[in-house]
């Protein structure tokens, strides 16, 4: 058992997935310029979630060749202002296994262009605003490549089959231009073209390779025919660690928890309650999205739901922050008014201001907003288990993942609660505490406003369906 587990860990850490996430689609166009014609290798690499939609098209009766011809038809080839129709020579699919045991797919087409050209312009309008590795390469044999928008012989990903580990190298090339004439090779003048802006890497951003290693290990475990208790515990522990690491990534959850508890009279019980709500919301949201993917993934692209969830989460935070700010400002005014009309020494020990009062409603709103937006890794975890016919295991792993995330948020909340004990005694009834409560509500509101702005920007970058 130990040897098999060690082998699984070692092999999974060597299997890296798509560098731009489980929703990405990579596009590659490799040009080989020869006197007798131009060969174009056009490849499309589908990560886990897009591969599910692709499989649905095959189940509906479409062939791989039909699907590829649809995309090739939209490619734009021009020479001296005139359109050129490429000859579609062949199509080859290369299935693979990605994170969570889910399928991935690389489809490669070979295209031919006439050999009497001296100038060529190219543009790929497929899958606009879709994150992915977008690369164009060029190589000349028996021709003088006088001018090129891309450096010759520079293939960073080996036609989308071997991605570099350095995510800073990710290209976003969808346009190219080449000028060439017959003759011996010469030094090429590289004149880069302006490329479309790369889509933002929000929930579908480039994932940490260590997280990919853990996801691949889980996929290896889930594919085992027999799952002994020790191996099951290992899988649950890995899922828990993935959730904990996810909670430690940059995000608003930790800041919100800290900002709220700093300005409130919260206890460790409140911190635990907040973590429990976040866990339930995250688990429920991921499960619902998993059902959406399986039931209507083609008509309702699941990645398009992420911006809506982000906006809902951000608006909830804004509303909650504004309401909390208003309540705490009112409490401060009432506190000041009470002190103005009564003796300070008599009132100091009997203040009943609700400025930092913690309510179940407050914790519910904060927990829901923190768990409403799921991470793609947890969704892929569930979908992978469903694809392998192991839904109970997938739900167990999802709960473990959510518990790991909630454990970090709860720990941060407990630390904040106990750290407040270092404040001077009596601070809870002082003007200083009222200002702290108001400031924390203001911070929550500003976080919500910033997140709303970021989420609304995503609506201008929503990926469209295949071929769009």
Protein backbone atom coordinates (compact mmCIF):
# COMPACT_ATOMS: atom_id res chain seq x y z
CA UNK A 1 0.00 0.00 0.00
CA UNK A 2 2.73 2.48 0.93
CA UNK A 3 4.62 1.78 -2.31
CA UNK A 4 1.49 2.28 -4.40
CA UNK A 5 0.66 5.51 -2.58
CA UNK A 6 4.20 6.82 -3.05
CA UNK A 7 4.04 5.98 -6.76
CA UNK A 8 0.74 7.82 -7.12
CA UNK A 9 2.14 10.91 -5.43
CA UNK A 10 5.29 10.88 -7.53
CA UNK A 11 3.50 10.32 -10.84
CA UNK A 12 0.84 12.93 -10.16
CA UNK A 13 3.36 15.63 -9.35
CA UNK A 14 4.93 15.07 -12.76
CA UNK A 15 1.62 15.48 -14.61
CA UNK A 16 0.97 19.20 -14.98
CA UNK A 17 -2.25 20.39 -16.58
CA UNK A 18 -3.26 23.43 -18.56
CA UNK A 19 -1.42 26.52 -17.28
CA UNK A 20 -4.47 28.77 -17.61
CA UNK A 21 -6.91 26.56 -15.75
CA UNK A 22 -9.69 24.05 -16.25
CA UNK A 23 -11.80 26.40 -18.40
CA UNK A 24 -9.08 27.31 -20.89
CA UNK A 25 -8.84 26.64 -24.62
CA UNK A 26 -5.40 26.83 -26.22
CA UNK A 27 -4.94 27.78 -29.88
CA UNK A 28 -1.85 27.18 -32.00
CA UNK A 29 -0.99 27.94 -35.61
CA UNK A 30 2.36 26.76 -36.95
CA UNK A 31 3.37 27.98 -40.43
CA UNK A 32 5.91 26.08 -42.52
CA UNK A 33 6.85 28.16 -45.58
CA UNK A 34 8.21 26.27 -48.60
CA UNK A 35 8.51 27.10 -52.33
CA UNK A 36 5.94 24.42 -53.20
CA UNK A 37 3.34 25.65 -50.69
CA UNK A 38 2.57 26.61 -47.13
CA UNK A 39 1.62 24.04 -44.50
CA UNK A 40 -0.35 25.25 -41.50
CA UNK A 41 -0.65 23.11 -38.38
CA UNK A 42 -3.72 24.35 -36.52
CA UNK A 43 -4.25 22.91 -33.03
CA UNK A 44 -6.93 23.51 -30.41
CA UNK A 45 -6.33 22.27 -26.86
CA UNK A 46 -9.38 21.91 -24.60
CA UNK A 47 -9.07 21.81 -20.83
CA UNK A 48 -11.42 19.75 -18.67
CA UNK A 49 -14.62 21.83 -18.70
CA UNK A 50 -14.61 22.71 -22.44
CA UNK A 51 -13.86 19.05 -23.21
CA UNK A 52 -17.15 18.08 -21.60
CA UNK A 53 -19.01 20.36 -24.00
CA UNK A 54 -17.03 18.96 -26.89
CA UNK A 55 -18.04 15.44 -25.94
CA UNK A 56 -21.67 16.53 -25.95
CA UNK A 57 -21.31 17.62 -29.57
CA UNK A 58 -19.92 14.21 -30.45
CA UNK A 59 -22.79 12.51 -28.65
CA UNK A 60 -25.18 14.66 -30.70
CA UNK A 61 -23.74 13.11 -33.86
CA UNK A 62 -21.04 15.57 -34.92
CA UNK A 63 -17.66 14.13 -35.90
CA UNK A 64 -14.27 15.52 -34.91
CA UNK A 65 -13.65 16.51 -38.52
CA UNK A 66 -16.95 18.41 -38.72
CA UNK A 67 -16.20 20.32 -35.54
CA UNK A 68 -12.69 21.25 -36.66
CA UNK A 69 -13.88 22.32 -40.13
CA UNK A 70 -16.28 24.73 -38.42
CA UNK A 71 -13.35 26.45 -36.70
CA UNK A 72 -11.03 26.31 -39.74
CA UNK A 73 -13.72 27.99 -41.83
CA UNK A 74 -13.54 31.02 -39.55
CA UNK A 75 -9.76 31.40 -39.81
CA UNK A 76 -8.77 34.40 -41.93
CA UNK A 77 -6.00 34.07 -44.52
CA UNK A 78 -5.28 37.05 -46.76
CA UNK A 79 -2.56 37.93 -49.26
CA UNK A 80 -2.29 41.47 -50.66
CA UNK A 81 -5.83 42.18 -49.51
CA UNK A 82 -7.39 39.05 -51.07
CA UNK A 83 -8.91 36.20 -49.04
CA UNK A 84 -7.42 32.73 -49.43
CA UNK A 85 -9.31 29.50 -48.80
CA UNK A 86 -7.07 26.84 -47.20
CA UNK A 87 -7.27 23.19 -48.20
CA UNK A 88 -8.20 21.11 -45.16
CA UNK A 89 -5.95 18.07 -45.48
CA UNK A 90 -6.56 16.15 -42.24
CA UNK A 91 -7.90 16.23 -38.66
CA UNK A 92 -6.51 14.20 -35.75
CA UNK A 93 -7.88 14.04 -32.18
CA UNK A 94 -5.60 13.32 -29.20
CA UNK A 95 -7.61 12.61 -26.01
CA UNK A 96 -6.02 12.94 -22.60
CA UNK A 97 -6.76 12.80 -18.88
CA UNK A 98 -6.73 16.00 -16.83
CA UNK A 99 -7.38 17.08 -13.26
CA UNK A 100 -9.91 15.06 -11.32
CA UNK A 101 -9.72 12.24 -13.87
CA UNK A 102 -11.68 14.32 -16.39
CA UNK A 103 -11.03 14.14 -20.12
CA UNK A 104 -9.05 16.69 -22.09
CA UNK A 105 -8.79 16.94 -25.85
CA UNK A 106 -6.22 18.19 -28.34
CA UNK A 107 -7.43 18.39 -31.96
CA UNK A 108 -4.88 19.04 -34.72
CA UNK A 109 -5.67 19.95 -38.32
CA UNK A 110 -3.25 20.15 -41.26
CA UNK A 111 -4.02 22.90 -43.78
CA UNK A 112 -2.42 23.74 -47.13
CA UNK A 113 -2.04 27.15 -48.82
CA UNK A 114 -0.84 27.89 -52.39
CA UNK A 115 2.91 28.13 -53.10
CA UNK A 116 2.80 31.28 -55.26
CA UNK A 117 2.34 33.67 -52.33
CA UNK A 118 4.86 36.30 -51.24
CA UNK A 119 2.86 37.85 -48.41
CA UNK A 120 0.42 36.35 -45.91
CA UNK A 121 -1.81 37.75 -43.17
CA UNK A 122 -3.50 35.51 -40.63
CA UNK A 123 -6.08 35.96 -37.87
CA UNK A 124 -7.84 33.48 -35.57
CA UNK A 125 -11.25 34.75 -34.35
CA UNK A 126 -12.26 31.49 -32.66
CA UNK A 127 -13.01 31.44 -28.91
CA UNK A 128 -12.69 35.20 -28.29
CA UNK A 129 -11.96 36.34 -24.72
CA UNK A 130 -11.25 32.75 -23.70
CA UNK A 131 -8.17 32.27 -21.49
CA UNK A 132 -5.64 29.86 -22.95
CA UNK A 133 -2.23 29.49 -24.56
CA UNK A 134 -2.45 31.40 -27.87
CA UNK A 135 0.65 30.86 -29.97
CA UNK A 136 1.77 31.37 -33.59
CA UNK A 137 5.07 30.07 -34.97
CA UNK A 138 6.77 30.30 -38.35
CA UNK A 139 9.56 28.38 -40.07
CA UNK A 140 10.91 28.89 -43.59
CA UNK A 141 12.63 26.25 -45.73
CA UNK A 142 14.07 27.29 -49.11
CA UNK A 143 12.61 30.80 -48.82
CA UNK A 144 13.78 34.19 -47.67
CA UNK A 145 11.57 35.19 -44.74
CA UNK A 146 12.15 38.93 -45.09
CA UNK A 147 9.64 40.20 -42.54
CA UNK A 148 7.67 38.44 -39.82
CA UNK A 149 5.44 39.39 -36.91
CA UNK A 150 6.86 36.44 -34.97
CA UNK A 151 10.43 35.33 -34.34
CA UNK A 152 11.20 32.29 -36.57
CA UNK A 153 11.64 28.83 -35.08
CA UNK A 154 10.35 29.76 -31.64
CA UNK A 155 7.85 27.16 -30.47
CA UNK A 156 7.44 27.47 -26.70
CA UNK A 157 4.85 24.74 -26.19
CA UNK A 158 5.67 22.19 -28.91
CA UNK A 159 2.31 22.78 -30.55
CA UNK A 160 0.39 22.78 -27.24
CA UNK A 161 1.82 19.42 -26.12
CA UNK A 162 4.44 20.56 -23.59
CA UNK A 163 3.74 23.82 -21.78
CA UNK A 164 6.63 25.65 -20.09
CA UNK A 165 6.55 25.93 -16.31
CA UNK A 166 7.20 29.69 -16.45
CA UNK A 167 3.72 31.24 -16.60
CA UNK A 168 5.27 34.61 -17.51
CA UNK A 169 5.89 33.19 -20.99
CA UNK A 170 2.20 32.69 -21.78
CA UNK A 171 1.55 34.23 -25.24
CA UNK A 172 -1.71 35.66 -26.56
CA UNK A 173 -1.07 35.71 -30.31
CA UNK A 174 -4.07 35.60 -32.62
CA UNK A 175 -2.74 37.63 -35.58
CA UNK A 176 0.34 37.26 -37.79
CA UNK A 177 1.94 38.65 -40.96
CA UNK A 178 4.77 37.23 -43.08
CA UNK A 179 6.64 38.56 -46.13
CA UNK A 180 8.78 36.05 -48.03
CA UNK A 181 10.38 35.47 -51.43
CA UNK A 182 12.28 32.60 -53.12
CA UNK A 183 15.97 32.38 -52.34
CA UNK A 184 18.46 31.38 -49.71
CA UNK A 185 17.59 32.08 -46.06
CA UNK A 186 18.39 35.57 -44.75
CA UNK A 187 18.06 37.32 -41.41
CA UNK A 188 14.39 38.02 -40.77
CA UNK A 189 13.14 41.44 -39.75
CA UNK A 190 10.69 40.92 -36.88
CA UNK A 191 7.85 43.47 -36.82
CA UNK A 192 5.36 42.53 -34.05
CA UNK A 193 1.66 43.15 -34.63
CA UNK A 194 -0.75 44.56 -32.09
CA UNK A 195 -2.61 41.64 -30.57
CA UNK A 196 -6.05 41.63 -28.89
CA UNK A 197 -5.83 42.12 -25.12
CA UNK A 198 -5.58 38.92 -23.12
CA UNK A 199 -8.67 38.09 -21.04
CA UNK A 200 -8.36 38.67 -17.29
CA UNK A 201 -7.28 35.72 -15.16
CA UNK A 202 -9.87 35.93 -12.38
CA UNK A 203 -11.53 32.70 -11.21
CA UNK A 204 -10.00 31.02 -14.26
CA UNK A 205 -6.52 32.40 -13.60
CA UNK A 206 -3.29 30.42 -13.94
CA UNK A 207 -3.25 27.87 -11.15
CA UNK A 208 -0.38 27.10 -8.86
CA UNK A 209 1.43 23.97 -10.03
CA UNK A 210 1.50 22.57 -6.51
CA UNK A 211 -2.32 22.66 -6.49
CA UNK A 212 -2.36 20.93 -9.86
CA UNK A 213 -0.14 18.23 -8.42
CA UNK A 214 -2.59 17.64 -5.58
CA UNK A 215 -5.55 17.58 -8.00
CA UNK A 216 -3.78 15.06 -10.21
CA UNK A 217 -3.03 12.89 -7.19
CA UNK A 218 -6.72 12.88 -6.31
CA UNK A 219 -7.60 11.93 -9.87
CA UNK A 220 -5.17 9.01 -9.66
CA UNK A 221 -6.71 7.86 -6.38
CA UNK A 222 -10.28 8.16 -7.70
CA UNK A 223 -9.43 5.99 -10.68
CA UNK A 224 -8.37 3.07 -8.46
CA UNK A 225 -10.77 0.12 -8.72
CA UNK A 226 -10.36 -0.59 -5.01
CA UNK A 227 -10.23 2.22 -2.48
CA UNK A 228 -8.94 0.97 0.90
CA UNK A 229 -9.65 3.00 4.01
CA UNK A 230 -6.07 4.31 4.20
CA UNK A 231 -6.23 5.54 0.63
CA UNK A 232 -9.63 7.16 1.26
CA UNK A 233 -8.24 9.03 4.26
CA UNK A 234 -5.32 10.17 2.12
CA UNK A 235 -7.71 11.51 -0.52
CA UNK A 236 -9.78 13.37 2.08
CA UNK A 237 -6.61 14.82 3.60
CA UNK A 238 -5.40 16.05 0.20
CA UNK A 239 -8.78 17.66 -0.50
CA UNK A 240 -8.69 19.32 2.92
CA UNK A 241 -5.19 20.67 2.20
CA UNK A 242 -6.32 21.98 -1.20
CA UNK A 243 -9.14 23.90 0.49
CA UNK A 244 -6.79 25.31 3.11
CA UNK A 245 -4.28 26.44 0.49
CA UNK A 246 -7.12 27.98 -1.53
CA UNK A 247 -8.20 29.99 1.52
CA UNK A 248 -4.64 31.29 1.90
CA UNK A 249 -4.58 32.61 -1.68
CA UNK A 250 -5.26 36.32 -2.30
CA UNK A 251 -8.95 37.01 -1.89
CA UNK A 252 -11.54 38.90 0.11
CA UNK A 253 -12.61 36.16 2.54
CA UNK A 254 -9.85 36.61 5.09
CA UNK A 255 -10.02 40.40 4.96
CA UNK A 256 -13.79 40.42 5.41
CA UNK A 257 -13.67 38.09 8.40
CA UNK A 258 -10.92 40.12 10.06
CA UNK A 259 -12.55 43.48 9.29
CA UNK A 260 -15.89 42.39 10.71
CA UNK A 261 -14.59 40.76 13.88
CA UNK A 262 -12.16 43.61 14.64
CA UNK A 263 -15.06 46.05 14.81
CA UNK A 264 -17.47 43.79 16.69
CA UNK A 265 -17.87 42.10 20.03
CA UNK A 266 -17.37 38.71 18.46
CA UNK A 267 -16.43 35.50 20.28
CA UNK A 268 -14.72 32.35 19.11
CA UNK A 269 -18.17 30.76 18.78
CA UNK A 270 -19.06 33.46 16.23
CA UNK A 271 -15.88 32.70 14.28
CA UNK A 272 -16.76 28.99 14.17
CA UNK A 273 -20.33 29.78 13.12
CA UNK A 274 -19.03 32.00 10.33
CA UNK A 275 -16.74 29.22 9.10
CA UNK A 276 -19.63 26.73 9.13
CA UNK A 277 -21.83 29.02 7.02
CA UNK A 278 -19.01 29.56 4.53
CA UNK A 279 -18.46 25.79 4.26
CA UNK A 280 -22.12 25.05 3.62
CA UNK A 281 -22.50 27.85 1.04
CA UNK A 282 -19.36 26.82 -0.84
CA UNK A 283 -20.34 23.14 -0.91
CA UNK A 284 -23.91 23.86 -2.00
CA UNK A 285 -22.84 26.27 -4.75
CA UNK A 286 -20.29 23.87 -6.22
CA UNK A 287 -22.79 20.99 -6.16
CA UNK A 288 -25.43 23.08 -7.96
CA UNK A 289 -22.90 24.18 -10.57
CA UNK A 290 -21.88 20.57 -11.05
CA UNK A 291 -25.49 19.67 -11.81
CA UNK A 292 -25.73 22.60 -14.23
CA UNK A 293 -22.63 21.40 -16.08
CA UNK A 294 -24.01 17.89 -16.44
CA UNK A 295 -27.57 18.91 -17.31
CA UNK A 296 -27.14 21.98 -19.50
CA UNK A 297 -23.46 22.67 -20.06
CA UNK A 298 -23.86 23.34 -23.76
CA UNK A 299 -26.82 25.70 -23.51
CA UNK A 300 -25.53 27.31 -20.29
CA UNK A 301 -21.71 27.52 -20.34
CA UNK A 302 -20.78 27.16 -16.68
CA UNK A 303 -17.82 29.55 -16.87
CA UNK A 304 -20.27 32.30 -17.78
CA UNK A 305 -21.96 31.81 -14.41
CA UNK A 306 -18.83 32.76 -12.47
CA UNK A 307 -19.10 36.52 -13.21
CA UNK A 308 -22.75 36.49 -12.11
CA UNK A 309 -21.83 34.75 -8.87
CA UNK A 310 -19.00 37.23 -8.39
CA UNK A 311 -21.36 40.19 -8.86
CA UNK A 312 -23.93 38.66 -6.49
CA UNK A 313 -21.24 38.10 -3.88
CA UNK A 314 -19.80 41.60 -4.27
CA UNK A 315 -23.20 43.34 -4.16
CA UNK A 316 -24.09 41.36 -1.04
CA UNK A 317 -20.91 42.65 0.59
CA UNK A 318 -21.70 46.25 -0.43
CA UNK A 319 -25.26 46.07 0.93
CA UNK A 320 -24.07 44.41 4.11
CA UNK A 321 -21.25 46.95 4.55
CA UNK A 322 -23.49 50.00 3.97
CA UNK A 323 -26.13 48.66 6.36
CA UNK A 324 -23.50 47.88 9.00
CA UNK A 325 -21.92 51.30 8.55
CA UNK A 326 -25.26 53.04 8.95
CA UNK A 327 -26.11 51.05 12.08
CA UNK A 328 -22.75 51.73 13.70
CA UNK A 329 -22.81 55.46 12.88
CA UNK A 330 -26.30 55.65 14.41
CA UNK A 331 -25.03 53.79 17.48
CA UNK A 332 -22.15 56.25 17.81
CA UNK A 333 -24.51 59.22 17.56
CA UNK A 334 -26.83 57.70 20.17
CA UNK A 335 -23.83 57.04 22.38
CA UNK A 336 -22.67 60.66 22.08
CA UNK A 337 -26.18 62.00 22.65
CA UNK A 338 -26.56 59.84 25.74
CA UNK A 339 -23.29 61.16 27.16
CA UNK A 340 -24.25 64.74 26.38
CA UNK A 341 -27.42 64.64 28.46
CA UNK A 342 -26.29 62.41 31.33
CA UNK A 343 -23.47 62.31 33.77
CA UNK A 344 -20.45 60.55 32.24
CA UNK A 345 -19.48 58.70 35.37
CA UNK A 346 -22.98 57.31 35.80
CA UNK A 347 -23.36 56.27 32.17
CA UNK A 348 -19.91 54.74 31.58
CA UNK A 349 -20.75 51.44 33.16
CA UNK A 350 -24.25 51.16 31.72
CA UNK A 351 -23.85 51.81 28.00
CA UNK A 352 -26.11 49.65 25.86
CA UNK A 353 -24.96 50.81 22.45
CA UNK A 354 -25.21 48.07 19.81
CA UNK A 355 -22.26 49.39 17.81
CA UNK A 356 -20.32 46.12 17.85
CA UNK A 357 -23.18 43.71 18.39
CA UNK A 358 -22.85 40.41 16.50
CA UNK A 359 -26.09 39.00 15.12
CA UNK A 360 -26.93 35.75 13.36
CA UNK A 361 -28.07 37.77 10.34
CA UNK A 362 -24.72 39.53 10.08
CA UNK A 363 -22.80 36.26 10.24
CA UNK A 364 -25.17 34.65 7.72
CA UNK A 365 -24.72 37.47 5.19
CA UNK A 366 -20.94 37.47 5.60
CA UNK A 367 -20.67 33.68 5.37
CA UNK A 368 -22.83 33.46 2.26
CA UNK A 369 -20.89 36.21 0.48
CA UNK A 370 -17.61 34.47 1.33
CA UNK A 371 -18.68 31.05 0.07
CA UNK A 372 -20.85 32.04 -2.90
CA UNK A 373 -18.07 32.08 -5.51
CA UNK A 374 -16.56 28.57 -5.88
CA UNK A 375 -13.05 27.93 -7.09
CA UNK A 376 -12.70 25.93 -10.33
CA UNK A 377 -10.54 23.31 -8.56
CA UNK A 378 -13.40 22.22 -6.29
CA UNK A 379 -15.82 22.11 -9.23
CA UNK A 380 -13.43 19.95 -11.26
CA UNK A 381 -12.98 17.72 -8.21
CA UNK A 382 -16.72 17.02 -8.10
CA UNK A 383 -17.12 16.68 -11.87
CA UNK A 384 -14.22 14.25 -12.04
CA UNK A 385 -15.82 12.00 -9.45
CA UNK A 386 -19.14 12.18 -11.31
CA UNK A 387 -17.42 11.26 -14.58
CA UNK A 388 -15.90 8.20 -12.90
CA UNK A 389 -19.25 7.17 -11.40
CA UNK A 390 -18.17 7.97 -7.85
CA UNK A 391 -20.55 10.72 -6.78
CA UNK A 392 -20.47 9.85 -3.03
CA UNK A 393 -16.67 10.05 -3.08
CA UNK A 394 -16.84 13.34 -4.98
CA UNK A 395 -19.23 14.82 -2.41
CA UNK A 396 -16.98 13.64 0.42
CA UNK A 397 -13.95 15.24 -1.23
CA UNK A 398 -15.91 18.45 -1.86
CA UNK A 399 -16.96 18.65 1.79
CA UNK A 400 -13.38 18.00 2.87
CA UNK A 401 -12.17 20.74 0.50
CA UNK A 402 -14.73 23.19 1.91
CA UNK A 403 -13.81 22.25 5.48
CA UNK A 404 -10.16 23.00 4.72
CA UNK A 405 -11.11 26.42 3.41
CA UNK A 406 -13.40 27.11 6.36
CA UNK A 407 -10.76 25.96 8.86
CA UNK A 408 -8.41 28.71 7.72
CA UNK A 409 -11.14 31.36 7.80
CA UNK A 410 -12.25 30.18 11.24
CA UNK A 411 -8.67 30.18 12.55
CA UNK A 412 -8.20 33.74 11.32
CA UNK A 413 -11.45 34.75 13.00
CA UNK A 414 -10.46 33.14 16.31
CA UNK A 415 -7.04 34.80 16.17
CA UNK A 416 -8.66 38.20 15.61
CA UNK A 417 -11.09 37.67 18.49
CA UNK A 418 -8.34 36.71 20.94
CA UNK A 419 -5.94 39.35 19.63
CA UNK A 420 -8.44 42.01 20.68
CA UNK A 421 -7.77 41.01 24.30
CA UNK A 422 -4.50 42.91 23.99
CA UNK A 423 -6.48 46.14 23.68
CA UNK A 424 -6.73 48.29 26.84
CA UNK A 425 -9.41 47.19 29.27
CA UNK A 426 -12.67 49.02 28.77
CA UNK A 427 -12.06 49.71 25.12
CA UNK A 428 -15.36 48.02 24.28
CA UNK A 429 -17.27 50.93 25.84
CA UNK A 430 -14.99 53.75 24.67
CA UNK A 431 -15.21 56.21 21.82
CA UNK A 432 -12.22 54.38 20.38
CA UNK A 433 -14.21 51.19 20.00
CA UNK A 434 -17.02 53.04 18.23
CA UNK A 435 -14.53 54.48 15.76
CA UNK A 436 -13.02 51.01 15.27
CA UNK A 437 -16.48 49.57 14.60
CA UNK A 438 -17.27 52.32 12.07
CA UNK A 439 -13.89 51.92 10.38
CA UNK A 440 -14.33 48.14 10.02
CA UNK A 441 -17.78 48.65 8.43
CA UNK A 442 -16.26 51.20 6.06
CA UNK A 443 -13.51 48.74 5.08
CA UNK A 444 -16.12 46.05 4.35
CA UNK A 445 -18.06 48.52 2.18
CA UNK A 446 -14.96 49.56 0.24
CA UNK A 447 -14.00 45.90 -0.32
CA UNK A 448 -17.48 45.26 -1.69
CA UNK A 449 -17.32 48.29 -4.00
CA UNK A 450 -13.92 47.24 -5.36
CA UNK A 451 -15.07 43.65 -5.90
CA UNK A 452 -18.25 44.86 -7.62
CA UNK A 453 -16.21 46.97 -10.03
CA UNK A 454 -13.92 44.01 -10.80
CA UNK A 455 -16.86 41.62 -11.25
CA UNK A 456 -18.76 44.01 -13.53
CA UNK A 457 -15.71 44.31 -15.76
CA UNK A 458 -15.95 40.57 -16.36
CA UNK A 459 -19.19 41.02 -18.28
CA UNK A 460 -17.22 42.64 -21.06
CA UNK A 461 -14.99 39.56 -21.24
CA UNK A 462 -17.45 36.69 -21.17
CA UNK A 463 -16.36 33.81 -23.38
CA UNK A 464 -18.87 32.76 -26.00
CA UNK A 465 -19.78 29.29 -27.18
CA UNK A 466 -17.65 27.18 -29.47
CA UNK A 467 -16.88 28.74 -32.80
CA UNK A 468 -18.20 32.14 -31.72
